């Protein structure tokens, strides 16, 4: 009997709906090929366009759908032209992180053959590391609470022991899973600015305390500026990085640049019971409606969702599907014949999804 999973789907703004539909199509094809799991997609309206129509950016009904689902697939959100009265952009994805306690943001950085990386990598070097970003505190804690006067503006950074401990445990468990899969010792690096700020010295102390419970995983620490340099100069030496919210926001885009662009960058935000999976890029209203948006980051986010569900529910069929989806996507990128304009091709969004489906079908046995 196939396993059943309910997936809350936020189609988003701008190019969001254009990359959501082919992603769901690819996931349905995986379901049909496997025959060992079923995904039931449930629409959850939200975002800037929904706010413009209704005055609500994240309706209570959509939040309830998300809470009750096994996982949440969230597309690109926001529109610079539609803002709250205070001038800030509409970001339901950030609201979801806070409402659902999604404290661990996973941002994989992986360079496979055909990826348009700007780096000149030695032939024997493999880049495959994970950036884990705390997603509910740090400098983002202050969102909507900043103090502004005619002469001064202040934002407050908050780091708590409780959230940091959960973040580090999640990170070390992830490093342990990667270690088992790759057949080598894992390493976690705490990225901070502990030489300047007491809050980051606190963050590093909590990290060291939690690291003691994982003697099988090596650990060290790095200042964020030094890590930015290392991500460019020797990214193959990295395994799992863990950092504060704002630093993670910046470094994750650097990681996407190393891969060749945001169109290749998936992500996840994980809490104790819920998880959101979404592309790192924005809603790109300048190309919305043209059918040229790159769906790969969204599709790979769907693969991360399958992998997370597999681990959470002990479902080998989902794990196999996630692995096959990554391989099929890598094949399409390496082949180079069916890519969107941002990757140097001239194919449209649906054609890329079709190519990934064809690669899945030809590789399935």
Protein backbone atom coordinates (compact mmCIF):
# COMPACT_ATOMS: atom_id res chain seq x y z
CA UNK A 1 0.00 0.00 0.00
CA UNK A 2 1.57 3.35 -1.03
CA UNK A 3 2.33 5.87 1.71
CA UNK A 4 0.17 9.02 1.59
CA UNK A 5 1.51 12.53 2.18
CA UNK A 6 -0.33 15.85 2.15
CA UNK A 7 1.69 18.71 0.70
CA UNK A 8 0.63 22.33 1.24
CA UNK A 9 1.50 24.33 -1.89
CA UNK A 10 2.05 28.10 -1.86
CA UNK A 11 2.23 29.03 -5.56
CA UNK A 12 3.62 32.48 -4.86
CA UNK A 13 3.97 35.67 -6.86
CA UNK A 14 5.56 36.68 -10.15
CA UNK A 15 7.17 33.60 -11.66
CA UNK A 16 6.03 31.56 -8.65
CA UNK A 17 3.02 29.88 -10.29
CA UNK A 18 5.06 29.29 -13.47
CA UNK A 19 7.65 27.18 -11.62
CA UNK A 20 5.22 25.58 -9.19
CA UNK A 21 3.09 23.83 -11.82
CA UNK A 22 5.99 22.00 -13.55
CA UNK A 23 7.49 21.10 -10.17
CA UNK A 24 4.26 19.41 -9.10
CA UNK A 25 4.18 17.70 -12.49
CA UNK A 26 7.68 16.30 -11.96
CA UNK A 27 6.79 15.13 -8.45
CA UNK A 28 3.65 13.41 -9.75
CA UNK A 29 5.74 11.64 -12.37
CA UNK A 30 8.07 10.38 -9.61
CA UNK A 31 5.03 9.17 -7.70
CA UNK A 32 3.74 7.31 -10.77
CA UNK A 33 7.12 5.76 -11.54
CA UNK A 34 7.68 4.62 -7.96
CA UNK A 35 4.11 3.47 -7.16
CA UNK A 36 5.17 3.31 -3.52
CA UNK A 37 4.04 6.75 -2.33
CA UNK A 38 1.34 9.29 -3.11
CA UNK A 39 1.50 13.07 -2.81
CA UNK A 40 -1.71 15.06 -2.34
CA UNK A 41 -1.21 18.74 -3.17
CA UNK A 42 -3.36 21.26 -1.27
CA UNK A 43 -3.44 24.89 -2.43
CA UNK A 44 -2.60 27.54 0.19
CA UNK A 45 -3.20 31.11 -1.10
CA UNK A 46 -0.77 33.76 0.20
CA UNK A 47 1.67 36.41 -0.95
CA UNK A 48 1.80 39.91 -2.34
CA UNK A 49 -0.81 39.38 -5.06
CA UNK A 50 -3.18 37.83 -2.52
CA UNK A 51 -2.57 40.80 -0.21
CA UNK A 52 -3.39 43.24 -3.03
CA UNK A 53 -6.71 41.47 -3.58
CA UNK A 54 -7.75 40.70 -0.01
CA UNK A 55 -5.63 42.71 2.44
CA UNK A 56 -4.15 39.46 3.83
CA UNK A 57 -0.66 38.22 3.01
CA UNK A 58 -0.88 34.95 4.97
CA UNK A 59 -4.52 33.97 5.64
CA UNK A 60 -5.28 31.94 8.76
CA UNK A 61 -6.77 29.18 6.59
CA UNK A 62 -3.55 28.87 4.58
CA UNK A 63 -1.48 28.79 7.76
CA UNK A 64 -3.74 26.02 9.09
CA UNK A 65 -3.32 24.05 5.85
CA UNK A 66 0.44 24.39 6.22
CA UNK A 67 0.46 23.28 9.86
CA UNK A 68 -1.61 20.18 9.11
CA UNK A 69 0.37 19.10 6.03
CA UNK A 70 3.23 16.62 6.08
CA UNK A 71 5.39 19.19 4.27
CA UNK A 72 5.13 22.61 2.65
CA UNK A 73 6.21 23.45 -0.89
CA UNK A 74 6.56 27.21 -1.19
CA UNK A 75 7.33 29.05 -4.40
CA UNK A 76 8.85 32.50 -4.98
CA UNK A 77 7.04 35.13 -2.92
CA UNK A 78 6.77 38.92 -2.88
CA UNK A 79 6.56 41.83 -5.29
CA UNK A 80 8.55 45.07 -4.80
CA UNK A 81 5.59 47.01 -6.19
CA UNK A 82 3.22 45.72 -3.47
CA UNK A 83 4.18 46.65 0.09
CA UNK A 84 2.80 47.01 3.59
CA UNK A 85 1.84 50.55 4.71
CA UNK A 86 5.22 50.91 6.49
CA UNK A 87 7.05 50.39 3.19
CA UNK A 88 8.41 46.90 3.91
CA UNK A 89 7.97 44.08 1.39
CA UNK A 90 5.43 41.32 1.87
CA UNK A 91 7.27 38.15 2.91
CA UNK A 92 4.94 35.32 4.00
CA UNK A 93 7.93 32.96 3.87
CA UNK A 94 9.53 34.82 6.79
CA UNK A 95 6.20 34.89 8.64
CA UNK A 96 5.92 31.11 8.19
CA UNK A 97 9.39 30.58 9.64
CA UNK A 98 8.45 32.51 12.76
CA UNK A 99 4.89 31.18 13.12
CA UNK A 100 6.02 27.55 12.76
CA UNK A 101 9.39 27.77 14.48
CA UNK A 102 11.39 26.81 11.38
CA UNK A 103 14.75 27.57 12.92
CA UNK A 104 17.09 25.59 10.62
CA UNK A 105 17.50 26.88 7.08
CA UNK A 106 19.29 24.40 4.80
CA UNK A 107 21.10 25.81 1.77
CA UNK A 108 23.02 23.16 -0.20
CA UNK A 109 26.00 24.28 -2.28
CA UNK A 110 26.87 21.68 -4.86
CA UNK A 111 28.71 21.97 -8.16
CA UNK A 112 28.05 19.09 -10.57
CA UNK A 113 29.28 18.70 -14.17
CA UNK A 114 27.72 21.33 -16.40
CA UNK A 115 26.97 23.80 -13.60
CA UNK A 116 28.00 27.27 -14.85
CA UNK A 117 30.24 28.01 -11.86
CA UNK A 118 32.54 31.04 -12.12
CA UNK A 119 35.22 29.06 -10.23
CA UNK A 120 38.17 27.35 -11.88
CA UNK A 121 38.07 24.10 -9.97
CA UNK A 122 40.96 21.63 -10.00
CA UNK A 123 39.84 18.40 -11.65
CA UNK A 124 40.14 16.36 -8.46
CA UNK A 125 38.08 18.75 -6.31
CA UNK A 126 34.41 18.16 -5.48
CA UNK A 127 32.26 20.96 -4.08
CA UNK A 128 29.38 19.65 -1.99
CA UNK A 129 28.67 21.40 1.30
CA UNK A 130 25.63 22.49 3.31
CA UNK A 131 25.04 25.89 4.85
CA UNK A 132 22.67 25.79 7.83
CA UNK A 133 21.19 29.18 8.63
CA UNK A 134 19.30 29.95 11.83
CA UNK A 135 16.03 31.31 10.45
CA UNK A 136 13.98 32.80 13.28
CA UNK A 137 16.34 34.94 15.39
CA UNK A 138 19.58 36.82 14.79
CA UNK A 139 19.20 40.23 13.18
CA UNK A 140 15.95 39.14 11.50
CA UNK A 141 14.34 38.93 14.96
CA UNK A 142 13.99 42.69 14.70
CA UNK A 143 11.87 42.64 11.53
CA UNK A 144 9.01 45.09 12.04
CA UNK A 145 10.37 46.15 15.46
CA UNK A 146 13.19 48.49 14.49
CA UNK A 147 13.34 51.95 16.04
CA UNK A 148 13.75 54.87 13.67
CA UNK A 149 14.00 58.56 14.54
CA UNK A 150 15.04 61.48 12.33
CA UNK A 151 18.61 61.08 13.59
CA UNK A 152 19.02 57.39 14.38
CA UNK A 153 17.93 53.89 13.44
CA UNK A 154 18.35 50.75 15.56
CA UNK A 155 17.76 47.04 14.94
CA UNK A 156 18.27 44.40 17.61
CA UNK A 157 20.07 41.06 17.16
CA UNK A 158 18.76 38.25 19.38
CA UNK A 159 20.35 34.82 19.91
CA UNK A 160 18.81 32.45 22.48
CA UNK A 161 20.32 29.36 24.03
CA UNK A 162 17.21 27.26 23.41
CA UNK A 163 17.01 27.92 19.67
CA UNK A 164 20.78 27.72 19.22
CA UNK A 165 20.93 24.32 20.90
CA UNK A 166 18.19 22.96 18.63
CA UNK A 167 19.93 24.47 15.61
CA UNK A 168 23.28 22.88 16.47
CA UNK A 169 21.73 19.49 17.17
CA UNK A 170 19.97 19.59 13.81
CA UNK A 171 23.26 20.56 12.18
CA UNK A 172 25.30 17.78 13.77
CA UNK A 173 22.64 15.21 12.90
CA UNK A 174 22.77 16.42 9.31
CA UNK A 175 26.57 16.13 9.32
CA UNK A 176 26.23 12.58 10.66
CA UNK A 177 23.82 11.67 7.83
CA UNK A 178 26.16 13.17 5.23
CA UNK A 179 29.10 11.32 6.78
CA UNK A 180 27.31 7.97 6.50
CA UNK A 181 26.27 8.67 2.92
CA UNK A 182 29.71 9.86 1.79
CA UNK A 183 31.79 7.37 3.77
CA UNK A 184 34.01 9.92 5.47
CA UNK A 185 34.14 11.80 8.74
CA UNK A 186 31.83 14.79 8.90
CA UNK A 187 32.81 18.27 10.00
CA UNK A 188 30.69 21.16 11.29
CA UNK A 189 32.04 24.71 11.22
CA UNK A 190 30.43 27.45 13.31
CA UNK A 191 30.51 30.74 11.36
CA UNK A 192 30.28 33.86 13.50
CA UNK A 193 31.92 37.14 14.49
CA UNK A 194 32.87 36.14 18.02
CA UNK A 195 35.95 38.36 18.02
CA UNK A 196 33.80 41.50 17.96
CA UNK A 197 30.30 40.79 19.30
CA UNK A 198 29.41 39.24 22.65
CA UNK A 199 26.27 37.73 21.10
CA UNK A 200 28.43 35.69 18.71
CA UNK A 201 30.82 34.67 21.48
CA UNK A 202 27.71 33.32 23.22
CA UNK A 203 26.64 31.58 19.98
CA UNK A 204 30.07 29.92 19.69
CA UNK A 205 30.06 28.80 23.34
CA UNK A 206 26.69 27.07 22.88
CA UNK A 207 28.06 25.45 19.71
CA UNK A 208 31.08 24.04 21.55
CA UNK A 209 28.85 22.68 24.30
CA UNK A 210 26.58 20.85 21.84
CA UNK A 211 29.54 19.56 19.80
CA UNK A 212 30.66 17.51 22.80
CA UNK A 213 27.67 15.19 22.27
CA UNK A 214 28.94 14.30 18.76
CA UNK A 215 32.50 12.95 19.18
CA UNK A 216 32.29 11.23 15.77
CA UNK A 217 31.90 14.59 13.98
CA UNK A 218 34.83 17.01 13.82
CA UNK A 219 34.09 20.64 14.60
CA UNK A 220 35.76 24.03 14.33
CA UNK A 221 34.85 27.71 14.00
CA UNK A 222 35.48 30.53 11.54
CA UNK A 223 34.81 34.25 11.41
CA UNK A 224 32.26 35.10 8.72
CA UNK A 225 34.62 37.26 6.65
CA UNK A 226 37.23 34.50 6.56
CA UNK A 227 34.55 31.98 5.59
CA UNK A 228 33.37 34.16 2.69
CA UNK A 229 36.94 34.05 1.39
CA UNK A 230 37.20 30.29 1.89
CA UNK A 231 33.93 29.65 0.08
CA UNK A 232 35.52 31.19 -3.00
CA UNK A 233 39.13 30.02 -2.61
CA UNK A 234 38.70 26.46 -1.30
CA UNK A 235 35.00 25.44 -1.22
CA UNK A 236 35.92 21.75 -1.62
CA UNK A 237 37.30 21.80 1.95
CA UNK A 238 33.89 22.56 3.47
CA UNK A 239 31.28 20.12 4.78
CA UNK A 240 28.55 21.65 6.98
CA UNK A 241 28.50 25.31 8.03
CA UNK A 242 26.17 26.72 10.67
CA UNK A 243 25.56 30.41 11.22
CA UNK A 244 23.26 33.23 12.33
CA UNK A 245 20.32 34.44 10.25
CA UNK A 246 21.78 37.53 8.53
CA UNK A 247 25.18 35.94 7.89
CA UNK A 248 23.38 32.90 6.49
CA UNK A 249 21.25 35.08 4.23
CA UNK A 250 24.36 36.62 2.69
CA UNK A 251 26.50 33.49 2.49
CA UNK A 252 23.70 31.44 0.93
CA UNK A 253 23.54 33.84 -2.02
CA UNK A 254 27.31 33.62 -2.32
CA UNK A 255 26.90 29.85 -2.43
CA UNK A 256 24.29 30.16 -5.16
CA UNK A 257 26.72 32.31 -7.13
CA UNK A 258 29.37 29.60 -6.82
CA UNK A 259 26.95 27.10 -8.37
CA UNK A 260 26.15 29.42 -11.25
CA UNK A 261 23.08 31.32 -10.13
CA UNK A 262 19.99 31.37 -7.95
CA UNK A 263 18.15 29.30 -10.54
CA UNK A 264 20.09 26.26 -9.30
CA UNK A 265 19.72 26.95 -5.57
CA UNK A 266 17.10 24.99 -3.58
CA UNK A 267 16.48 25.39 0.14
CA UNK A 268 14.58 24.16 3.16
CA UNK A 269 13.48 25.67 6.47
CA UNK A 270 13.03 23.01 9.13
CA UNK A 271 11.56 23.02 12.62
CA UNK A 272 10.67 20.38 15.18
CA UNK A 273 7.52 19.24 13.37
CA UNK A 274 7.13 21.22 10.13
CA UNK A 275 9.31 22.05 7.14
CA UNK A 276 9.11 24.41 4.16
CA UNK A 277 10.90 23.80 0.86
CA UNK A 278 11.44 26.64 -1.58
CA UNK A 279 13.84 28.05 -4.19
CA UNK A 280 16.30 30.65 -2.94
CA UNK A 281 15.47 33.12 -5.72
CA UNK A 282 12.81 35.80 -5.74
CA UNK A 283 9.63 36.24 -7.74
CA UNK A 284 11.33 38.03 -10.70
CA UNK A 285 8.31 40.11 -11.76
CA UNK A 286 10.33 41.44 -14.72
CA UNK A 287 10.11 38.06 -16.48
CA UNK A 288 6.78 36.85 -15.09
CA UNK A 289 4.39 35.59 -17.74
CA UNK A 290 7.06 35.01 -20.37
CA UNK A 291 7.53 31.30 -19.69
CA UNK A 292 11.32 31.55 -19.40
CA UNK A 293 11.75 31.16 -15.64
CA UNK A 294 14.19 28.47 -14.53
CA UNK A 295 12.25 25.78 -12.56
CA UNK A 296 15.33 23.82 -11.43
CA UNK A 297 15.74 25.41 -7.98
CA UNK A 298 12.05 24.77 -7.28
CA UNK A 299 12.25 21.20 -8.57
CA UNK A 300 15.35 20.48 -6.47
CA UNK A 301 13.56 21.96 -3.45
CA UNK A 302 10.90 19.33 -4.11
CA UNK A 303 13.68 16.75 -4.03
CA UNK A 304 14.85 18.07 -0.65
CA UNK A 305 11.25 17.71 0.53
CA UNK A 306 11.18 14.05 -0.51
CA UNK A 307 14.49 13.45 1.26
CA UNK A 308 13.24 15.08 4.47
CA UNK A 309 9.98 13.12 4.39
CA UNK A 310 11.99 9.93 3.80
CA UNK A 311 14.11 10.52 6.91
CA UNK A 312 11.16 11.63 9.03
CA UNK A 313 8.94 8.67 8.10
CA UNK A 314 11.56 6.00 7.40
CA UNK A 315 10.35 5.71 3.81
CA UNK A 316 12.98 4.25 1.46
CA UNK A 317 10.84 4.89 -1.62
CA UNK A 318 10.93 8.63 -1.00
CA UNK A 319 14.70 8.55 -0.47
CA UNK A 320 15.15 6.69 -3.75
CA UNK A 321 12.91 9.18 -5.56
CA UNK A 322 14.93 12.12 -4.20
CA UNK A 323 18.19 10.53 -5.36
CA UNK A 324 16.78 9.80 -8.82
CA UNK A 325 15.44 13.35 -9.14
CA UNK A 326 18.85 14.82 -8.36
CA UNK A 327 20.50 12.51 -10.89
CA UNK A 328 17.95 13.31 -13.60
CA UNK A 329 18.33 17.06 -13.04
CA UNK A 330 22.13 16.77 -13.12
CA UNK A 331 21.84 14.90 -16.42
CA UNK A 332 19.75 17.64 -17.99
CA UNK A 333 22.16 20.34 -16.81
CA UNK A 334 25.24 18.42 -17.95
CA UNK A 335 23.67 17.74 -21.34
CA UNK A 336 23.04 21.46 -21.81
CA UNK A 337 20.50 21.03 -24.61
CA UNK A 338 17.45 22.08 -22.60
CA UNK A 339 18.20 25.05 -20.37
CA UNK A 340 16.51 28.38 -19.70
CA UNK A 341 18.13 31.69 -20.73
CA UNK A 342 19.66 32.36 -17.30
CA UNK A 343 21.83 29.26 -17.84
CA UNK A 344 22.72 30.15 -21.41
CA UNK A 345 19.97 28.16 -23.13
CA UNK A 346 16.87 29.09 -25.08
CA UNK A 347 14.32 26.61 -23.71
CA UNK A 348 11.21 27.54 -21.78
CA UNK A 349 10.15 26.53 -18.28
CA UNK A 350 7.95 23.61 -19.29
CA UNK A 351 10.58 22.21 -21.67
CA UNK A 352 13.09 21.95 -18.83
CA UNK A 353 10.54 20.06 -16.72
CA UNK A 354 9.81 17.80 -19.70
CA UNK A 355 13.53 17.06 -20.08
CA UNK A 356 13.84 16.13 -16.40
CA UNK A 357 10.79 13.86 -16.69
CA UNK A 358 12.32 12.18 -19.76
CA UNK A 359 15.57 11.63 -17.84
CA UNK A 360 13.60 10.10 -14.97
CA UNK A 361 11.71 7.79 -17.29
CA UNK A 362 14.82 6.64 -19.18
CA UNK A 363 16.73 6.00 -15.97
CA UNK A 364 13.98 4.16 -14.09
CA UNK A 365 14.23 0.39 -13.79
